[in-house]
Protein backbone atom coordinates (compact mmCIF):
# COMPACT_ATOMS: atom_id res chain seq x y z
CA UNK A 1 40.37 -32.05 46.31
CA UNK A 2 42.00 -29.45 48.39
CA UNK A 3 41.29 -29.07 52.37
CA UNK A 4 41.96 -26.85 55.67
CA UNK A 5 41.42 -28.27 58.47
CA UNK A 6 41.08 -26.43 61.26
CA UNK A 7 40.36 -26.97 64.95
CA UNK A 8 41.80 -26.00 68.29
CA UNK A 9 45.07 -28.04 69.10
CA UNK A 10 44.17 -31.65 70.15
CA UNK A 11 40.46 -31.09 68.63
CA UNK A 12 41.45 -34.43 66.53
CA UNK A 13 42.68 -33.11 63.13
CA UNK A 14 45.70 -35.80 63.17
CA UNK A 15 43.32 -38.29 63.36
CA UNK A 16 40.96 -37.38 60.83
CA UNK A 17 43.69 -35.93 58.93
CA UNK A 18 44.93 -40.23 58.46
CA UNK A 19 41.17 -40.66 57.36
CA UNK A 20 41.01 -38.48 54.80
CA UNK A 21 44.37 -39.57 53.35
CA UNK A 22 43.36 -42.80 53.45
CA UNK A 23 39.57 -41.98 52.06
CA UNK A 24 40.66 -39.95 49.59
CA UNK A 25 44.52 -40.63 48.38
CA UNK A 26 45.62 -37.34 49.03
CA UNK A 27 49.06 -36.66 51.64
CA UNK A 28 47.62 -34.99 54.74
CA UNK A 29 50.23 -32.26 55.47
CA UNK A 30 50.78 -31.38 59.40
CA UNK A 31 52.41 -28.53 59.79
CA UNK A 32 52.99 -29.35 63.33
CA UNK A 33 54.73 -33.03 62.25
CA UNK A 34 57.05 -31.35 59.49
CA UNK A 35 57.85 -28.70 62.42
CA UNK A 36 58.63 -31.42 64.72
CA UNK A 37 60.79 -33.90 62.39
CA UNK A 38 62.94 -30.03 61.60
CA UNK A 39 63.04 -29.20 65.12
CA UNK A 40 64.63 -32.67 65.87
CA UNK A 41 67.85 -32.08 63.16
CA UNK A 42 71.13 -30.57 64.31
CA UNK A 43 71.07 -27.77 62.56
CA UNK A 44 70.53 -24.50 62.99
CA UNK A 45 66.54 -24.13 62.06
CA UNK A 46 66.11 -26.97 64.27
CA UNK A 47 67.05 -25.27 66.84
CA UNK A 48 65.35 -22.29 66.47
CA UNK A 49 62.19 -24.56 65.47
CA UNK A 50 62.52 -26.54 68.87
CA UNK A 51 62.96 -23.74 70.58
CA UNK A 52 59.24 -22.49 70.20
CA UNK A 53 57.48 -25.62 70.20
CA UNK A 54 58.73 -26.34 73.32
CA UNK A 55 57.67 -22.75 75.09
CA UNK A 56 54.41 -23.41 73.46
CA UNK A 57 54.56 -20.34 70.73
CA UNK A 58 53.73 -19.88 67.14
CA UNK A 59 56.48 -20.31 64.72
CA UNK A 60 57.06 -17.31 62.22
CA UNK A 61 55.09 -17.42 59.50
CA UNK A 62 57.72 -16.89 57.09
CA UNK A 63 59.12 -19.73 58.89
CA UNK A 64 56.08 -21.91 57.97
CA UNK A 65 55.54 -20.13 54.58
CA UNK A 66 59.07 -21.73 53.30
CA UNK A 67 58.48 -25.47 54.44
CA UNK A 68 54.82 -25.69 53.26
CA UNK A 69 55.50 -23.93 49.71
CA UNK A 70 58.38 -26.43 49.08
CA UNK A 71 56.22 -29.57 50.62
CA UNK A 72 52.59 -28.77 48.00
CA UNK A 73 54.84 -28.22 44.79
CA UNK A 74 56.04 -32.01 45.13
CA UNK A 75 54.35 -34.62 43.21
CA UNK A 76 52.17 -36.48 45.33
CA UNK A 77 49.98 -32.89 45.97
CA UNK A 78 49.24 -33.11 42.49
CA UNK A 79 45.73 -33.89 42.77
CA UNK A 80 45.28 -32.27 46.23
CA UNK A 81 45.81 -32.08 49.51
CA UNK A 82 44.86 -31.78 52.99
CA UNK A 83 46.19 -28.62 55.11
CA UNK A 84 46.38 -29.81 59.05
CA UNK A 85 47.35 -27.22 61.02
CA UNK A 86 47.67 -24.69 58.43
CA UNK A 87 46.86 -21.26 58.15
CA UNK A 88 47.02 -20.62 62.19
CA UNK A 89 45.93 -17.24 61.72
CA UNK A 90 44.75 -14.60 58.56
CA UNK A 91 48.26 -13.11 57.65
CA UNK A 92 48.88 -17.21 57.01
CA UNK A 93 45.27 -17.28 55.32
CA UNK A 94 46.06 -14.61 52.64
CA UNK A 95 49.22 -15.41 52.33
CA UNK A 96 47.81 -18.87 50.34
CA UNK A 97 45.37 -16.44 48.77
CA UNK A 98 48.74 -14.39 47.45
CA UNK A 99 50.56 -17.84 46.43
CA UNK A 100 47.17 -18.67 44.18
CA UNK A 101 46.53 -22.11 46.20
CA UNK A 102 42.84 -22.52 46.21
CA UNK A 103 41.11 -24.24 48.30
CA UNK A 104 38.04 -26.72 47.81
CA UNK A 105 36.86 -26.97 51.73
CA UNK A 106 37.38 -25.44 55.18
CA UNK A 107 36.27 -28.11 58.35
CA UNK A 108 36.34 -26.52 61.35
CA UNK A 109 36.07 -29.35 64.07
CA UNK A 110 34.88 -27.63 66.97
CA UNK A 111 34.88 -28.57 70.90
CA UNK A 112 34.98 -27.27 74.29
CA UNK A 113 38.07 -26.08 75.64
CA UNK A 114 37.75 -29.11 78.94
CA UNK A 115 37.34 -31.63 76.52
CA UNK A 116 41.06 -30.13 74.90
CA UNK A 117 43.03 -30.09 78.32
CA UNK A 118 41.66 -33.83 79.01
CA UNK A 119 43.06 -35.33 75.41
CA UNK A 120 46.36 -33.57 74.94
CA UNK A 121 47.58 -33.88 78.75
CA UNK A 122 46.54 -37.93 78.85
CA UNK A 123 48.17 -38.27 75.26
CA UNK A 124 51.83 -40.19 75.14
CA UNK A 125 54.27 -40.91 72.24
CA UNK A 126 56.65 -43.14 70.86
CA UNK A 127 59.20 -40.95 69.94
CA UNK A 128 61.20 -42.88 67.04
CA UNK A 129 57.66 -44.07 65.46
CA UNK A 130 55.70 -41.16 65.97
CA UNK A 131 52.59 -44.30 67.46
CA UNK A 132 50.73 -42.27 69.47
CA UNK A 133 48.79 -43.50 72.57
CA UNK A 134 45.92 -41.75 75.41
CA UNK A 135 46.32 -42.61 79.51
CA UNK A 136 42.32 -43.39 78.84
CA UNK A 137 41.16 -43.70 75.51
CA UNK A 138 43.54 -45.55 73.58
CA UNK A 139 46.61 -46.91 76.33
CA UNK A 140 49.66 -49.02 75.88
CA UNK A 141 49.00 -52.82 76.83
CA UNK A 142 52.21 -52.06 79.55
CA UNK A 143 51.72 -48.70 81.31
CA UNK A 144 53.73 -45.90 79.27
CA UNK A 145 55.70 -48.80 77.13
CA UNK A 146 55.15 -48.68 73.17
CA UNK A 147 53.41 -51.96 72.01
CA UNK A 148 55.79 -52.97 69.26
CA UNK A 149 59.21 -52.23 70.25
CA UNK A 150 58.17 -52.06 74.34
CA UNK A 151 60.05 -48.87 74.60
CA UNK A 152 59.16 -45.73 76.91
CA UNK A 153 56.44 -43.29 76.05
CA UNK A 154 57.21 -39.46 76.46
CA UNK A 155 54.66 -37.21 77.29
CA UNK A 156 55.69 -34.43 74.63
CA UNK A 157 56.24 -30.85 75.85
CA UNK A 158 53.58 -29.27 73.92
CA UNK A 159 51.19 -31.67 75.62
CA UNK A 160 51.87 -30.46 79.26
CA UNK A 161 48.57 -28.39 80.78
CA UNK A 162 51.16 -25.58 81.33
CA UNK A 163 52.16 -25.19 77.87
CA UNK A 164 48.65 -26.29 76.80
CA UNK A 165 47.33 -23.40 78.65
CA UNK A 166 49.60 -21.20 76.94
CA UNK A 167 48.53 -22.86 73.33
CA UNK A 168 45.54 -22.73 73.83
CA UNK A 169 45.69 -18.43 74.72
CA UNK A 170 47.76 -18.32 71.39
CA UNK A 171 44.89 -20.06 69.23
CA UNK A 172 42.32 -17.58 70.89
CA UNK A 173 44.28 -14.39 70.06
CA UNK A 174 45.78 -15.77 66.57
CA UNK A 175 43.87 -18.48 65.08
CA UNK A 176 40.57 -18.36 66.12
CA UNK A 177 39.83 -15.15 64.11
CA UNK A 178 40.26 -17.42 61.24
CA UNK A 179 36.46 -18.83 61.56
CA UNK A 180 35.82 -15.19 60.81
CA UNK A 181 37.18 -15.02 57.99
CA UNK A 182 36.74 -18.33 56.03
CA UNK A 183 33.18 -17.59 56.86
CA UNK A 184 33.38 -14.73 54.75
CA UNK A 185 35.52 -15.63 52.19
CA UNK A 186 34.85 -19.23 51.71
CA UNK A 187 31.40 -20.86 50.48
CA UNK A 188 32.94 -23.90 51.51
CA UNK A 189 33.26 -23.45 55.27
CA UNK A 190 31.65 -26.75 57.04
CA UNK A 191 31.48 -26.67 61.26
CA UNK A 192 31.33 -30.08 62.44
CA UNK A 193 30.99 -31.40 66.50
CA UNK A 194 34.52 -32.38 67.13
CA UNK A 195 33.53 -33.72 70.45
CA UNK A 196 31.65 -36.72 69.02
CA UNK A 197 33.25 -40.20 68.56
CA UNK A 198 36.28 -40.27 65.59
CA UNK A 199 33.56 -42.42 63.31
CA UNK A 200 30.74 -39.90 63.51
CA UNK A 201 33.07 -36.81 62.86
CA UNK A 202 34.25 -39.08 59.99
CA UNK A 203 30.92 -39.45 58.58
CA UNK A 204 30.24 -36.19 58.89
CA UNK A 205 33.23 -35.01 57.13
CA UNK A 206 32.46 -37.76 54.50
CA UNK A 207 28.84 -36.31 53.86
CA UNK A 208 30.69 -32.54 53.42
CA UNK A 209 32.64 -34.01 50.48
CA UNK A 210 29.89 -36.30 48.81
CA UNK A 211 27.34 -33.16 49.27
């Protein structure tokens, strides 16, 4: 089962991707996570990626395609995979088609912009482990401290309000047109209310996959 999960930054794609990974035993491939990992490496590519991420700009297609093709060729993707955060634009979607990568389901998590800003600006992360928190929805036991290590939490650069605004502008320009693309190109395009509780969104996704 090969799945694309679409939505604004902060729409809950990462959360649902993890649930799908567990429930359907397929890897969740987050281009955002892969790019952040590479961005933290001491390499020329890492420095380039980090510059794009911190400024809120999209990483160039050729870099993402190279990374993604290598990832989905690994053994754990033989029974399927979920793409979280890719494709971001029509050029990338067409690149998937040219690579003969067939997609079974395209799921769009729809959510209002103001809810996105609230969700993203409140996110905090433990850098070493990747554990995430939210000051309103999932606060740590102690203010700004990781529950397991007691180490400081950070606010990612791309979760700061001024960068969120840039990310949303990029989304509307680059990614939003993908919805019409997949509505026309795919017989398995589905839209879900992403503002619902996590459990209800997960149930709606399960219903789509089982129908």
